[in-house]
Amino acid sequence: METTKTSFHTEIGSAGVEPDSVGELMAIKEDGMSLGTNNTYKLGRWQCPFMLAGAVGAAIAFLTIGFAKDIGYSFRDNLSEYTQHRALIIFGIGLWMLEISINMNDARCRDFLDDLASRDQPKIRLAYQFFTFFIAVGNDLGYLATLFSRFDVMLALTVTKACDRFCANVKSISIY
């Protein structure tokens, strides 16, 4: 019986042992078992619809997060209450969608870097260092964007009955 070892040392094969978590399931890389690695695209395994789906999913998730309070209000959230439960549920769904979309793109980008580096370990390390650096710069720019508190002036349409100035700033950042 042939088994395949994952990076979490979980044996998967004809013995019927299943991975214990979603992280272990997503870590299955060898023998073309991960999503998209066993495709026949002529530009390599990274060139697959998962990157496009991740980008579209991230855009939808950003808009869902930004407009959560308006969507909750359209589902009859009471604005006089301290907590709008429907808006929180929609915000949580948006965060969940964003997490899945980021993971889809992250895995495909890492596969692309592996293909570009031709399995040369020093090149792969350097490529991952640049990838991590630019991810960190993007995160920092996103956090810095929240310091500018007058996005609602640039996009006046974001201030609605359900969404005050602070909510409009979050909505404007998600649009940009």
C-alpha atoms as a PDB file:
ATOM      1  CA  MET A   1       0.000   0.000   0.000  1.00  0.00           C
ATOM      2  CA  GLU A   2       1.459   3.260  -1.091  1.00  0.00           C
ATOM      3  CA  THR A   3       0.886   6.324   1.074  1.00  0.00           C
ATOM      4  CA  THR A   4       1.722   9.946   0.600  1.00  0.00           C
ATOM      5  CA  LYS A   5       3.289  12.090   3.326  1.00  0.00           C
ATOM      6  CA  THR A   6       2.077  15.653   3.726  1.00  0.00           C
ATOM      7  CA  SER A   7       3.939  18.466   5.408  1.00  0.00           C
ATOM      8  CA  PHE A   8       1.972  17.677   8.598  1.00  0.00           C
ATOM      9  CA  HIS A   9       3.089  14.027   8.462  1.00  0.00           C
ATOM     10  CA  THR A  10      -0.426  12.745   7.958  1.00  0.00           C
ATOM     11  CA  GLU A  11      -0.554   9.496   6.044  1.00  0.00           C
ATOM     12  CA  ILE A  12      -3.087   9.602   3.270  1.00  0.00           C
ATOM     13  CA  GLY A  13      -3.575   6.749   0.906  1.00  0.00           C
ATOM     14  CA  SER A  14      -5.335   3.494   0.526  1.00  0.00           C
ATOM     15  CA  ALA A  15      -5.300   2.989   4.313  1.00  0.00           C
ATOM     16  CA  GLY A  16      -8.184   5.470   4.497  1.00  0.00           C
ATOM     17  CA  VAL A  17      -6.629   7.887   6.994  1.00  0.00           C
ATOM     18  CA  GLU A  18      -8.130  11.345   6.529  1.00  0.00           C
ATOM     19  CA  PRO A  19      -6.480  14.709   7.351  1.00  0.00           C
ATOM     20  CA  ASP A  20      -7.462  16.120  10.749  1.00  0.00           C
ATOM     21  CA  SER A  21      -8.065  19.735   9.744  1.00  0.00           C
ATOM     22  CA  VAL A  22      -8.645  22.022   6.800  1.00  0.00           C
ATOM     23  CA  GLY A  23      -5.035  23.241   7.118  1.00  0.00           C
ATOM     24  CA  GLU A  24      -3.734  19.729   6.671  1.00  0.00           C
ATOM     25  CA  LEU A  25      -6.055  19.187   3.740  1.00  0.00           C
ATOM     26  CA  MET A  26      -4.789  22.351   2.052  1.00  0.00           C
ATOM     27  CA  ALA A  27      -1.169  21.355   2.752  1.00  0.00           C
ATOM     28  CA  ILE A  28      -1.321  18.262   0.550  1.00  0.00           C
ATOM     29  CA  LYS A  29       1.090  19.196  -2.223  1.00  0.00           C
ATOM     30  CA  GLU A  30       2.929  16.097  -3.419  1.00  0.00           C
ATOM     31  CA  ASP A  31       1.889  13.908  -6.314  1.00  0.00           C
ATOM     32  CA  GLY A  32      -0.384  16.547  -7.814  1.00  0.00           C
ATOM     33  CA  MET A  33      -2.984  16.151  -5.097  1.00  0.00           C
ATOM     34  CA  SER A  34      -3.557  19.839  -4.327  1.00  0.00           C
ATOM     35  CA  LEU A  35      -6.129  21.893  -6.190  1.00  0.00           C
ATOM     36  CA  GLY A  36      -4.800  23.094  -9.490  1.00  0.00           C
ATOM     37  CA  THR A  37      -1.400  21.388  -9.432  1.00  0.00           C
ATOM     38  CA  ASN A  38      -2.390  18.577 -11.747  1.00  0.00           C
ATOM     39  CA  ASN A  39      -3.767  20.693 -14.561  1.00  0.00           C
ATOM     40  CA  THR A  40      -2.694  20.801 -18.177  1.00  0.00           C
ATOM     41  CA  TYR A  41      -2.422  24.558 -18.725  1.00  0.00           C
ATOM     42  CA  LYS A  42       0.482  25.341 -21.020  1.00  0.00           C
ATOM     43  CA  LEU A  43       1.790  28.154 -18.774  1.00  0.00           C
ATOM     44  CA  GLY A  44       2.195  25.910 -15.724  1.00  0.00           C
ATOM     45  CA  ARG A  45       0.252  24.785 -12.709  1.00  0.00           C
ATOM     46  CA  TRP A  46      -0.171  28.313 -11.329  1.00  0.00           C
ATOM     47  CA  GLN A  47      -2.087  29.438 -14.414  1.00  0.00           C
ATOM     48  CA  CYS A  48      -5.498  28.224 -13.345  1.00  0.00           C
ATOM     49  CA  PRO A  49      -8.911  29.703 -12.615  1.00  0.00           C
ATOM     50  CA  PHE A  50      -8.221  29.784  -8.872  1.00  0.00           C
ATOM     51  CA  MET A  51      -6.283  33.056  -9.163  1.00  0.00           C
ATOM     52  CA  LEU A  52      -9.134  34.770 -10.996  1.00  0.00           C
ATOM     53  CA  ALA A  53     -11.701  33.306  -8.611  1.00  0.00           C
ATOM     54  CA  GLY A  54      -9.626  34.489  -5.644  1.00  0.00           C
ATOM     55  CA  ALA A  55      -9.351  38.025  -7.035  1.00  0.00           C
ATOM     56  CA  VAL A  56     -13.079  38.239  -7.793  1.00  0.00           C
ATOM     57  CA  GLY A  57     -13.890  36.743  -4.399  1.00  0.00           C
ATOM     58  CA  ALA A  58     -11.657  39.265  -2.632  1.00  0.00           C
ATOM     59  CA  ALA A  59     -13.340  42.153  -4.448  1.00  0.00           C
ATOM     60  CA  ILE A  60     -16.790  40.865  -3.486  1.00  0.00           C
ATOM     61  CA  ALA A  61     -15.628  40.303   0.095  1.00  0.00           C
ATOM     62  CA  PHE A  62     -14.232  43.845   0.406  1.00  0.00           C
ATOM     63  CA  LEU A  63     -17.513  45.297  -0.834  1.00  0.00           C
ATOM     64  CA  THR A  64     -19.505  43.015   1.476  1.00  0.00           C
ATOM     65  CA  ILE A  65     -17.438  44.142   4.460  1.00  0.00           C
ATOM     66  CA  GLY A  66     -17.697  47.807   3.520  1.00  0.00           C
ATOM     67  CA  PHE A  67     -21.436  47.744   2.882  1.00  0.00           C
ATOM     68  CA  ALA A  68     -22.339  45.358   5.750  1.00  0.00           C
ATOM     69  CA  LYS A  69     -24.224  48.000   7.716  1.00  0.00           C
ATOM     70  CA  ASP A  70     -26.241  49.094   4.667  1.00  0.00           C
ATOM     71  CA  ILE A  71     -27.030  45.494   3.735  1.00  0.00           C
ATOM     72  CA  GLY A  72     -28.044  44.792   7.335  1.00  0.00           C
ATOM     73  CA  TYR A  73     -30.300  47.843   7.277  1.00  0.00           C
ATOM     74  CA  SER A  74     -31.923  46.620   4.069  1.00  0.00           C
ATOM     75  CA  PHE A  75     -32.634  43.346   5.913  1.00  0.00           C
ATOM     76  CA  ARG A  76     -34.516  45.372   8.581  1.00  0.00           C
ATOM     77  CA  ASP A  77     -31.786  45.982  11.162  1.00  0.00           C
ATOM     78  CA  ASN A  78     -33.005  48.445  13.781  1.00  0.00           C
ATOM     79  CA  LEU A  79     -30.656  51.453  13.821  1.00  0.00           C
ATOM     80  CA  SER A  80     -31.770  52.505  17.300  1.00  0.00           C
ATOM     81  CA  GLU A  81     -30.392  49.304  18.834  1.00  0.00           C
ATOM     82  CA  TYR A  82     -26.811  49.262  20.080  1.00  0.00           C
ATOM     83  CA  THR A  83     -25.932  46.115  18.095  1.00  0.00           C
ATOM     84  CA  GLN A  84     -27.188  45.430  14.580  1.00  0.00           C
ATOM     85  CA  HIS A  85     -27.071  41.645  14.423  1.00  0.00           C
ATOM     86  CA  ARG A  86     -27.729  41.245  10.709  1.00  0.00           C
ATOM     87  CA  ALA A  87     -24.925  43.652   9.866  1.00  0.00           C
ATOM     88  CA  LEU A  88     -22.562  41.672  12.110  1.00  0.00           C
ATOM     89  CA  ILE A  89     -23.512  38.423  10.390  1.00  0.00           C
ATOM     90  CA  ILE A  90     -22.952  39.969   6.958  1.00  0.00           C
ATOM     91  CA  PHE A  91     -19.618  41.415   8.135  1.00  0.00           C
ATOM     92  CA  GLY A  92     -18.595  37.949   9.382  1.00  0.00           C
ATOM     93  CA  ILE A  93     -19.548  36.373   6.058  1.00  0.00           C
ATOM     94  CA  GLY A  94     -17.474  39.038   4.278  1.00  0.00           C
ATOM     95  CA  LEU A  95     -14.447  38.307   6.477  1.00  0.00           C
ATOM     96  CA  TRP A  96     -14.841  34.598   5.845  1.00  0.00           C
ATOM     97  CA  MET A  97     -15.030  35.190   2.079  1.00  0.00           C
ATOM     98  CA  LEU A  98     -11.961  37.428   2.260  1.00  0.00           C
ATOM     99  CA  GLU A  99      -9.966  34.813   4.153  1.00  0.00           C
ATOM    100  CA  ILE A 100     -10.797  32.119   1.597  1.00  0.00           C
ATOM    101  CA  SER A 101      -9.985  34.437  -1.327  1.00  0.00           C
ATOM    102  CA  ILE A 102      -6.647  35.472   0.148  1.00  0.00           C
ATOM    103  CA  ASN A 103      -5.714  31.844   0.775  1.00  0.00           C
ATOM    104  CA  MET A 104      -6.650  30.930  -2.809  1.00  0.00           C
ATOM    105  CA  ASN A 105      -4.410  33.645  -4.226  1.00  0.00           C
ATOM    106  CA  ASP A 106      -1.605  33.066  -1.744  1.00  0.00           C
ATOM    107  CA  ALA A 107      -1.283  29.384  -2.626  1.00  0.00           C
ATOM    108  CA  ARG A 108      -1.332  30.065  -6.381  1.00  0.00           C
ATOM    109  CA  CYS A 109       1.267  32.851  -6.057  1.00  0.00           C
ATOM    110  CA  ARG A 110       3.556  30.553  -4.111  1.00  0.00           C
ATOM    111  CA  ASP A 111       3.151  27.877  -6.781  1.00  0.00           C
ATOM    112  CA  PHE A 112       3.995  30.489  -9.411  1.00  0.00           C
ATOM    113  CA  LEU A 113       7.144  31.484  -7.503  1.00  0.00           C
ATOM    114  CA  ASP A 114       8.148  27.817  -7.236  1.00  0.00           C
ATOM    115  CA  ASP A 115       7.769  27.413 -10.993  1.00  0.00           C
ATOM    116  CA  LEU A 116       9.767  30.568 -11.716  1.00  0.00           C
ATOM    117  CA  ALA A 117      12.588  29.515  -9.415  1.00  0.00           C
ATOM    118  CA  SER A 118      12.943  26.154 -11.211  1.00  0.00           C
ATOM    119  CA  ARG A 119      13.076  24.292  -7.898  1.00  0.00           C
ATOM    120  CA  ASP A 120      16.343  26.057  -6.997  1.00  0.00           C
ATOM    121  CA  GLN A 121      16.166  26.427  -3.194  1.00  0.00           C
ATOM    122  CA  PRO A 122      18.098  29.743  -2.852  1.00  0.00           C
ATOM    123  CA  LYS A 123      15.946  31.305  -5.573  1.00  0.00           C
ATOM    124  CA  ILE A 124      12.778  30.048  -3.890  1.00  0.00           C
ATOM    125  CA  ARG A 125      13.873  31.545  -0.553  1.00  0.00           C
ATOM    126  CA  LEU A 126      14.616  34.885  -2.207  1.00  0.00           C
ATOM    127  CA  ALA A 127      11.297  34.849  -4.061  1.00  0.00           C
ATOM    128  CA  TYR A 128       9.408  34.091  -0.822  1.00  0.00           C
ATOM    129  CA  GLN A 129      11.267  36.915   0.938  1.00  0.00           C
ATOM    130  CA  PHE A 130      10.183  39.410  -1.734  1.00  0.00           C
ATOM    131  CA  PHE A 131       6.641  38.009  -1.700  1.00  0.00           C
ATOM    132  CA  THR A 132       6.429  38.371   2.085  1.00  0.00           C
ATOM    133  CA  PHE A 133       7.915  41.866   1.936  1.00  0.00           C
ATOM    134  CA  PHE A 134       5.324  43.114  -0.544  1.00  0.00           C
ATOM    135  CA  ILE A 135       2.485  41.470   1.399  1.00  0.00           C
ATOM    136  CA  ALA A 136       3.716  43.293   4.524  1.00  0.00           C
ATOM    137  CA  VAL A 137       3.953  46.614   2.666  1.00  0.00           C
ATOM    138  CA  GLY A 138       0.393  46.160   1.389  1.00  0.00           C
ATOM    139  CA  ASN A 139      -0.852  45.411   4.901  1.00  0.00           C
ATOM    140  CA  ASP A 140       0.884  48.488   6.289  1.00  0.00           C
ATOM    141  CA  LEU A 141      -0.558  50.702   3.556  1.00  0.00           C
ATOM    142  CA  GLY A 142      -4.011  49.342   4.349  1.00  0.00           C
ATOM    143  CA  TYR A 143      -3.601  50.163   8.029  1.00  0.00           C
ATOM    144  CA  LEU A 144      -2.249  53.615   7.193  1.00  0.00           C
ATOM    145  CA  ALA A 145      -5.281  54.297   5.015  1.00  0.00           C
ATOM    146  CA  THR A 146      -7.465  54.107   8.117  1.00  0.00           C
ATOM    147  CA  LEU A 147      -5.587  57.046   9.651  1.00  0.00           C
ATOM    148  CA  PHE A 148      -6.984  59.352   6.989  1.00  0.00           C
ATOM    149  CA  SER A 149     -10.431  59.993   8.438  1.00  0.00           C
ATOM    150  CA  ARG A 150     -12.026  62.035   5.669  1.00  0.00           C
ATOM    151  CA  PHE A 151     -12.611  59.498   2.913  1.00  0.00           C
ATOM    152  CA  ASP A 152     -16.310  60.299   3.158  1.00  0.00           C
ATOM    153  CA  VAL A 153     -15.573  63.742   1.658  1.00  0.00           C
ATOM    154  CA  MET A 154     -14.052  62.152  -1.443  1.00  0.00           C
ATOM    155  CA  LEU A 155     -16.970  59.758  -1.892  1.00  0.00           C
ATOM    156  CA  ALA A 156     -20.011  61.555  -0.522  1.00  0.00           C
ATOM    157  CA  LEU A 157     -22.337  58.802  -1.756  1.00  0.00           C
ATOM    158  CA  THR A 158     -21.051  56.495   0.978  1.00  0.00           C
ATOM    159  CA  VAL A 159     -22.849  58.404   3.758  1.00  0.00           C
ATOM    160  CA  THR A 160     -26.346  56.935   4.021  1.00  0.00           C
ATOM    161  CA  LYS A 161     -29.105  56.727   6.616  1.00  0.00           C
ATOM    162  CA  ALA A 162     -27.613  53.523   8.014  1.00  0.00           C
ATOM    163  CA  CYS A 163     -23.980  54.550   7.656  1.00  0.00           C
ATOM    164  CA  ASP A 164     -22.513  57.578   9.418  1.00  0.00           C
ATOM    165  CA  ARG A 165     -19.155  59.264   8.744  1.00  0.00           C
ATOM    166  CA  PHE A 166     -17.019  56.564  10.365  1.00  0.00           C
ATOM    167  CA  CYS A 167     -18.843  53.769   8.572  1.00  0.00           C
ATOM    168  CA  ALA A 168     -18.524  55.741   5.324  1.00  0.00           C
ATOM    169  CA  ASN A 169     -14.745  55.870   5.781  1.00  0.00           C
ATOM    170  CA  VAL A 170     -14.586  52.070   5.994  1.00  0.00           C
ATOM    171  CA  LYS A 171     -16.873  51.806   2.981  1.00  0.00           C
ATOM    172  CA  SER A 172     -14.717  54.235   0.992  1.00  0.00           C
ATOM    173  CA  ILE A 173     -11.542  52.337   1.839  1.00  0.00           C
ATOM    174  CA  SER A 174     -13.173  49.085   0.669  1.00  0.00           C
ATOM    175  CA  ILE A 175     -14.136  50.768  -2.618  1.00  0.00           C
ATOM    176  CA  TYR A 176     -10.609  52.044  -3.214  1.00  0.00           C
END
